[in-house]
Protein backbone atom coordinates (compact mmCIF):
# COMPACT_ATOMS: atom_id res chain seq x y z
CA MET A 1 11.94 -6.92 26.40
CA SER A 2 11.04 -6.69 22.71
CA THR A 3 13.40 -8.22 20.21
CA VAL A 4 14.62 -6.70 16.95
CA THR A 5 12.19 -8.99 15.13
CA ASP A 6 9.29 -7.80 17.28
CA ARG A 7 10.11 -4.17 16.57
CA ALA A 8 10.45 -4.82 12.84
CA THR A 9 7.10 -6.59 12.81
CA GLU A 10 5.51 -3.68 14.61
CA ARG A 11 6.98 -1.10 12.22
CA LEU A 12 6.47 -2.98 8.96
CA GLY A 13 3.63 -5.41 9.70
CA GLN A 14 -0.11 -5.03 9.29
CA SER A 15 -1.34 -6.98 12.28
CA GLY A 16 -4.85 -5.91 13.23
CA ARG A 17 -5.21 -3.62 10.21
CA VAL A 18 -8.06 -3.68 7.70
CA VAL A 19 -6.97 -2.85 4.16
CA VAL A 20 -9.20 -2.29 1.13
CA VAL A 21 -7.59 -3.38 -2.15
CA SER A 22 -9.32 -2.64 -5.44
CA GLY A 23 -8.40 -4.51 -8.62
CA ALA A 24 -7.54 -7.56 -6.52
CA SER A 25 -8.37 -9.97 -9.34
CA GLY A 26 -5.49 -8.53 -11.39
CA GLN A 27 -1.91 -9.70 -11.10
CA ILE A 28 -0.50 -6.69 -9.26
CA GLY A 29 -3.58 -6.10 -7.14
CA GLY A 30 -3.61 -9.78 -6.23
CA ALA A 31 0.08 -9.68 -5.31
CA CYS A 32 -0.62 -6.70 -3.02
CA ALA A 33 -3.48 -8.55 -1.34
CA LEU A 34 -1.30 -11.63 -0.77
CA GLU A 35 1.57 -9.57 0.63
CA LEU A 36 -0.63 -7.58 3.00
CA ALA A 37 -2.44 -10.67 4.23
CA ALA A 38 0.92 -12.34 4.88
CA LEU A 39 1.88 -9.29 6.97
CA GLY A 40 -1.24 -9.75 9.09
CA ALA A 41 -3.82 -7.50 7.46
CA THR A 42 -7.44 -8.38 6.92
CA VAL A 43 -7.95 -7.69 3.22
CA VAL A 44 -11.23 -6.54 1.71
CA ALA A 45 -10.64 -7.35 -1.95
CA GLY A 46 -12.61 -5.42 -4.53
CA TYR A 47 -13.05 -6.80 -8.03
CA HIS A 48 -15.19 -6.03 -11.04
CA SER A 49 -14.63 -9.17 -13.09
CA GLY A 50 -12.38 -12.19 -12.76
CA GLU A 51 -14.40 -14.18 -10.24
CA GLN A 52 -12.23 -17.23 -10.79
CA ALA A 53 -9.08 -15.25 -10.05
CA ILE A 54 -10.53 -13.74 -6.87
CA ARG A 55 -11.71 -17.17 -5.71
CA LYS A 56 -8.20 -18.56 -6.20
CA LEU A 57 -6.71 -15.57 -4.38
CA ARG A 58 -9.00 -16.13 -1.42
CA GLU A 59 -7.96 -19.78 -1.25
CA GLN A 60 -4.28 -18.77 -1.29
CA VAL A 61 -4.73 -16.25 1.51
CA GLU A 62 -6.81 -18.58 3.67
CA GLY A 63 -4.33 -21.39 3.02
CA GLN A 64 -1.68 -19.19 4.62
CA GLY A 65 -3.90 -18.49 7.61
CA GLY A 66 -5.00 -15.04 6.46
CA THR A 67 -8.36 -13.38 5.88
CA LEU A 68 -9.60 -12.07 2.54
CA VAL A 69 -13.16 -10.93 1.90
CA PRO A 70 -14.08 -10.53 -1.81
CA VAL A 71 -16.49 -7.70 -2.67
CA ALA A 72 -17.82 -7.15 -6.19
CA ALA A 73 -17.60 -3.43 -7.04
CA ASP A 74 -17.41 -1.44 -10.26
CA LEU A 75 -15.23 1.59 -9.52
CA SER A 76 -16.09 3.16 -12.86
CA GLU A 77 -19.49 3.92 -11.33
CA PRO A 78 -19.83 6.60 -8.60
CA GLU A 79 -21.43 4.20 -6.11
CA GLY A 80 -18.81 1.47 -6.58
CA ALA A 81 -16.20 2.88 -4.21
CA ASP A 82 -18.73 3.68 -1.51
CA ALA A 83 -20.11 0.14 -1.67
CA LEU A 84 -16.65 -1.40 -1.33
CA VAL A 85 -15.68 0.72 1.66
CA ALA A 86 -19.11 0.29 3.27
CA ALA A 87 -18.65 -3.48 3.12
CA ALA A 88 -15.36 -3.15 5.01
CA VAL A 89 -16.78 -0.82 7.65
CA GLU A 90 -19.95 -2.84 8.17
CA ARG A 91 -18.04 -6.08 8.70
CA PHE A 92 -14.92 -4.85 10.51
CA GLY A 93 -15.81 -1.38 11.76
CA ARG A 94 -12.73 0.30 10.32
CA VAL A 95 -10.49 0.93 7.32
CA ASP A 96 -6.79 1.43 8.00
CA GLY A 97 -5.34 1.10 4.52
CA CYS A 98 -6.38 1.63 0.92
CA VAL A 99 -4.73 0.29 -2.23
CA ALA A 100 -6.33 1.62 -5.42
CA ALA A 101 -4.96 -0.95 -7.85
CA ALA A 102 -7.93 -1.15 -10.22
CA GLY A 103 -7.04 0.30 -13.59
CA LEU A 104 -7.59 0.19 -17.32
CA ARG A 105 -4.83 0.35 -19.92
CA THR A 106 -5.34 0.81 -23.63
CA ARG A 107 -2.78 1.17 -26.39
CA ARG A 108 -3.84 3.76 -28.94
CA LEU A 109 -2.18 6.67 -30.70
CA ALA A 110 -3.23 10.11 -29.51
CA MET A 111 -4.87 11.02 -32.84
CA ALA A 112 -6.86 7.78 -32.76
CA THR A 113 -8.16 8.25 -29.21
CA ASP A 114 -11.78 9.36 -29.31
CA ALA A 115 -13.70 11.12 -26.54
CA ARG A 116 -15.49 7.96 -25.44
CA SER A 117 -12.21 6.04 -24.97
CA LEU A 118 -10.69 8.90 -22.98
CA GLU A 119 -13.79 9.23 -20.81
CA LYS A 120 -13.68 5.52 -19.98
CA LEU A 121 -10.04 5.75 -18.92
CA LEU A 122 -10.79 8.81 -16.81
CA ARG A 123 -13.70 7.05 -15.09
CA VAL A 124 -11.64 4.03 -14.10
CA ASN A 125 -8.08 5.30 -13.61
CA LEU A 126 -8.70 8.76 -12.19
CA ALA A 127 -12.27 9.06 -10.90
CA GLY A 128 -12.31 5.46 -9.64
CA SER A 129 -9.06 5.84 -7.71
CA VAL A 130 -9.98 9.25 -6.30
CA GLY A 131 -13.44 7.99 -5.37
CA LEU A 132 -12.03 5.03 -3.47
CA ALA A 133 -9.51 7.20 -1.62
CA LYS A 134 -12.23 9.69 -0.63
CA ALA A 135 -14.51 6.92 0.62
CA CYS A 136 -11.66 5.53 2.75
CA LEU A 137 -10.76 8.96 4.12
CA LYS A 138 -14.01 9.22 6.06
CA PRO A 139 -13.35 6.33 8.52
CA MET A 140 -9.62 7.13 8.53
CA MET A 141 -10.19 10.71 9.65
CA ARG A 142 -12.43 9.51 12.46
CA ALA A 143 -9.71 7.10 13.57
CA ARG A 144 -6.93 9.65 12.97
CA TYR A 145 -4.90 7.02 11.13
CA GLY A 146 -4.73 5.88 7.55
CA ARG A 147 -2.52 4.86 4.67
CA ILE A 148 -3.60 5.38 1.05
CA VAL A 149 -1.67 4.17 -1.99
CA LEU A 150 -2.86 5.05 -5.48
CA PHE A 151 -1.57 3.25 -8.55
CA GLY A 152 0.05 5.52 -11.07
CA SER A 153 2.45 4.38 -13.77
CA ARG A 154 5.90 5.11 -15.15
CA ALA A 155 3.95 6.30 -18.19
CA GLY A 156 2.29 8.88 -15.97
CA THR A 157 5.62 10.35 -14.87
CA SER A 158 7.45 10.48 -18.21
CA GLY A 159 4.98 9.60 -20.96
CA LEU A 160 4.78 6.54 -23.19
CA PRO A 161 4.20 6.74 -26.96
CA GLY A 162 1.04 4.92 -27.93
CA HIS A 163 -0.45 5.34 -24.46
CA SER A 164 -1.06 9.09 -24.22
CA ALA A 165 -4.58 8.92 -22.77
CA TYR A 166 -3.58 6.23 -20.27
CA ALA A 167 -0.50 8.23 -19.26
CA ALA A 168 -2.59 11.37 -18.73
CA THR A 169 -5.07 9.64 -16.44
CA LYS A 170 -2.27 8.10 -14.38
CA GLY A 171 -0.19 11.27 -14.27
CA ALA A 172 -3.07 13.20 -12.72
CA LEU A 173 -2.87 11.12 -9.55
CA GLN A 174 0.41 12.60 -8.26
CA PRO A 175 -0.77 16.22 -7.92
CA TRP A 176 -4.03 14.99 -6.41
CA ALA A 177 -2.18 12.91 -3.82
CA ALA A 178 0.25 15.72 -3.02
CA SER A 179 -2.63 18.15 -2.53
CA VAL A 180 -4.69 15.84 -0.34
CA ALA A 181 -1.62 14.88 1.72
CA GLY A 182 -1.42 18.51 2.80
CA GLU A 183 -5.06 18.44 3.86
CA VAL A 184 -5.17 15.19 5.85
CA GLY A 185 -1.61 14.74 7.12
CA LYS A 186 -2.53 16.32 10.45
CA HIS A 187 -5.02 13.48 10.94
CA GLY A 188 -2.28 10.84 10.79
CA ILE A 189 -3.08 9.93 7.18
CA THR A 190 -0.64 9.57 4.29
CA VAL A 191 -1.52 9.58 0.59
CA ASN A 192 1.09 8.35 -1.86
CA VAL A 193 1.38 6.97 -5.38
CA VAL A 194 3.23 3.89 -6.61
CA ALA A 195 4.26 4.08 -10.27
CA PRO A 196 5.25 0.69 -11.70
CA GLY A 197 7.38 0.46 -14.81
CA ALA A 198 7.51 -2.57 -17.08
CA ILE A 199 6.07 -5.40 -14.98
CA ARG A 200 5.71 -9.00 -16.11
CA ALA A 201 2.13 -10.00 -16.89
CA GLU A 202 0.42 -13.05 -18.31
CA VAL A 203 -0.64 -10.97 -21.30
CA MET A 204 1.78 -8.24 -22.43
CA ASP A 205 0.70 -5.43 -24.75
CA PHE A 206 3.96 -5.31 -26.69
CA SER A 207 5.74 -7.69 -29.03
CA GLU A 208 8.87 -9.74 -28.36
CA ALA A 209 10.91 -7.27 -30.40
CA GLU A 210 9.54 -4.35 -28.39
CA ARG A 211 10.22 -6.24 -25.17
CA ASP A 212 13.87 -6.76 -26.12
CA LEU A 213 14.18 -3.05 -26.94
CA VAL A 214 12.58 -2.03 -23.63
CA LEU A 215 14.95 -4.24 -21.65
CA GLN A 216 17.94 -2.39 -23.08
CA PHE A 217 16.78 0.74 -21.27
CA ILE A 218 16.09 -0.87 -17.89
CA GLY A 219 19.00 -0.83 -15.47
CA ALA A 220 17.98 -4.16 -13.96
CA GLY A 221 17.92 -5.70 -17.43
CA ARG A 222 14.63 -7.49 -16.85
CA LEU A 223 10.93 -6.97 -16.30
CA GLY A 224 9.73 -6.39 -12.77
CA GLU A 225 7.63 -8.88 -10.84
CA PRO A 226 4.21 -8.08 -9.34
CA GLU A 227 5.58 -9.07 -5.93
CA GLU A 228 8.23 -6.34 -6.19
CA VAL A 229 5.52 -3.74 -6.65
CA ALA A 230 3.59 -5.25 -3.74
CA ALA A 231 6.65 -4.86 -1.50
CA ALA A 232 6.76 -1.13 -2.24
CA VAL A 233 3.04 -0.82 -1.53
CA SER A 234 3.33 -2.68 1.78
CA PHE A 235 6.08 -0.28 2.91
CA LEU A 236 3.95 2.78 2.14
CA LEU A 237 1.07 1.21 4.08
CA SER A 238 3.24 0.49 7.10
CA PRO A 239 3.73 2.56 10.27
CA SER A 240 7.35 3.06 9.17
CA ALA A 241 6.18 5.24 6.26
CA SER A 242 4.51 7.79 8.54
CA TYR A 243 6.67 10.67 7.21
CA VAL A 244 6.37 9.72 3.54
CA ASN A 245 3.42 11.73 2.28
CA GLY A 246 2.28 13.14 -1.05
CA ASN A 247 5.01 11.39 -3.04
CA THR A 248 5.35 9.01 -5.96
CA LEU A 249 7.51 5.90 -5.55
CA VAL A 250 8.64 4.70 -8.98
CA VAL A 251 9.24 0.94 -9.21
CA ASP A 252 10.87 0.52 -12.61
CA GLY A 253 14.23 -1.22 -12.16
CA GLY A 254 16.14 1.94 -13.12
CA ALA A 255 14.38 2.50 -16.46
CA ARG A 256 15.65 5.43 -18.54
CA PHE A 257 13.47 5.72 -21.59
């Protein structure tokens, strides 16, 4: 007879699953990779730069008895996503989950954002995420199972002064996910977006004074942790989230800007 713990592990765990995580050398992407590996997933970790960070992440995962395979891939290029997913399929024969955590954030006023800067953001944040999801959909549709999580942003749901181009590229992911969810849901696949709010990072793009002002408008009264975002991602990738499809889960501590 299965115990409550066994059932919880089955519904929330990732045992036997293969999950592709882009942007794994970043803080939030790395936290997602660690969380998923701890839940039993084999993680194929995509990164563009940050070789030292990805090497450290692999050591952490393997030190906990997990499996993480680093794959260098530039998702701003059309072939980057295909190469990352091909590496997962060639080695493991399947892709069960996808976390599109690679992203680029720039702080620039709308009137100072030139076409080249906007195009770069679109290539990474929108085209890169969509490209990775599409590449993962192929093996998922064959298997009739899949979980896809795209990384949006609180800025993409409500705007953020000084980040208009970034907000636009992130905001475009929700209608894309909602549309695709209606196309692939019958194949046992879900496509959702996680939209983090103000999350602690080693390098913040606002001053101490701005940080103090931001905290006044966050219900939790603090910045979020990368691990808290990873927990939301792991739920959306789990069997328990089978009826959550085409939605955006905002992880912002109750921010009301």
